[in-house]
Protein backbone atom coordinates (compact mmCIF):
# COMPACT_ATOMS: atom_id res chain seq x y z
CA UNK A 1 19.21 -12.57 -29.65
CA UNK A 2 16.08 -10.85 -28.38
CA UNK A 3 15.63 -7.17 -29.08
CA UNK A 4 14.41 -5.83 -25.73
CA UNK A 5 13.55 -2.48 -27.28
CA UNK A 6 10.73 -4.00 -29.34
CA UNK A 7 9.85 -7.19 -27.42
CA UNK A 8 6.84 -6.17 -25.33
CA UNK A 9 6.11 -9.78 -24.35
CA UNK A 10 9.44 -9.96 -22.54
CA UNK A 11 8.51 -7.00 -20.33
CA UNK A 12 4.98 -8.28 -19.74
CA UNK A 13 6.35 -11.65 -18.54
CA UNK A 14 8.71 -9.85 -16.17
CA UNK A 15 5.84 -7.76 -14.81
CA UNK A 16 3.77 -10.91 -14.26
CA UNK A 17 6.61 -12.68 -12.44
CA UNK A 18 7.29 -9.61 -10.31
CA UNK A 19 3.63 -9.37 -9.30
CA UNK A 20 3.72 -13.05 -8.33
CA UNK A 21 6.74 -12.34 -6.14
CA UNK A 22 4.94 -9.34 -4.61
CA UNK A 23 1.91 -11.48 -3.78
CA UNK A 24 4.10 -13.70 -1.61
CA UNK A 25 6.34 -10.98 -0.22
CA UNK A 26 6.16 -9.96 3.40
CA UNK A 27 8.50 -7.01 2.97
CA UNK A 28 8.93 -4.71 -0.02
CA UNK A 29 5.60 -5.65 -1.60
CA UNK A 30 4.99 -2.04 -2.62
CA UNK A 31 8.43 -1.75 -4.16
CA UNK A 32 7.92 -4.91 -6.19
CA UNK A 33 4.57 -3.65 -7.46
CA UNK A 34 6.23 -0.40 -8.58
CA UNK A 35 8.84 -2.41 -10.46
CA UNK A 36 6.05 -4.40 -12.15
CA UNK A 37 4.42 -1.11 -13.20
CA UNK A 38 7.71 0.00 -14.75
CA UNK A 39 7.90 -3.28 -16.68
CA UNK A 40 4.37 -2.58 -17.97
CA UNK A 41 5.54 0.87 -19.04
CA UNK A 42 8.51 -0.66 -20.88
CA UNK A 43 6.13 -3.09 -22.62
CA UNK A 44 3.99 -0.19 -23.84
CA UNK A 45 7.07 1.62 -25.11
CA UNK A 46 8.26 -1.55 -26.87
CA UNK A 47 4.86 -1.86 -28.58
CA UNK A 48 5.12 1.71 -29.81
CA UNK A 49 8.70 1.24 -30.95
CA UNK A 50 7.81 -1.95 -32.83
CA UNK A 51 4.91 -0.30 -34.65
CA UNK A 52 6.70 2.97 -35.42
CA UNK A 53 7.92 3.32 -39.00
CA UNK A 54 11.67 3.43 -39.51
CA UNK A 55 12.69 6.65 -41.31
CA UNK A 56 14.16 6.02 -44.76
CA UNK A 57 17.93 5.82 -44.74
CA UNK A 58 18.23 5.55 -40.96
CA UNK A 59 18.64 1.79 -40.81
CA UNK A 60 21.50 -0.25 -42.22
CA UNK A 61 21.39 -4.00 -41.49
CA UNK A 62 24.50 -5.30 -39.75
CA UNK A 63 25.16 -7.70 -42.62
CA UNK A 64 25.54 -4.83 -45.10
CA UNK A 65 28.46 -2.39 -45.10
CA UNK A 66 27.61 1.31 -44.95
């Protein structure tokens, strides 16, 4: 399963597809472009989350009991 919190590529692809929809839209073009900007923002946040160090002791893999 994809981790959407750290998968910036997922959000960038969504932004690209939304911009393509906006290019062909007669109505709501501005709204679609704002949504694409939000997807770009989520991609930037995912990049930061992926590169941020995990504090020691804060992560327990699901396969290991606590």
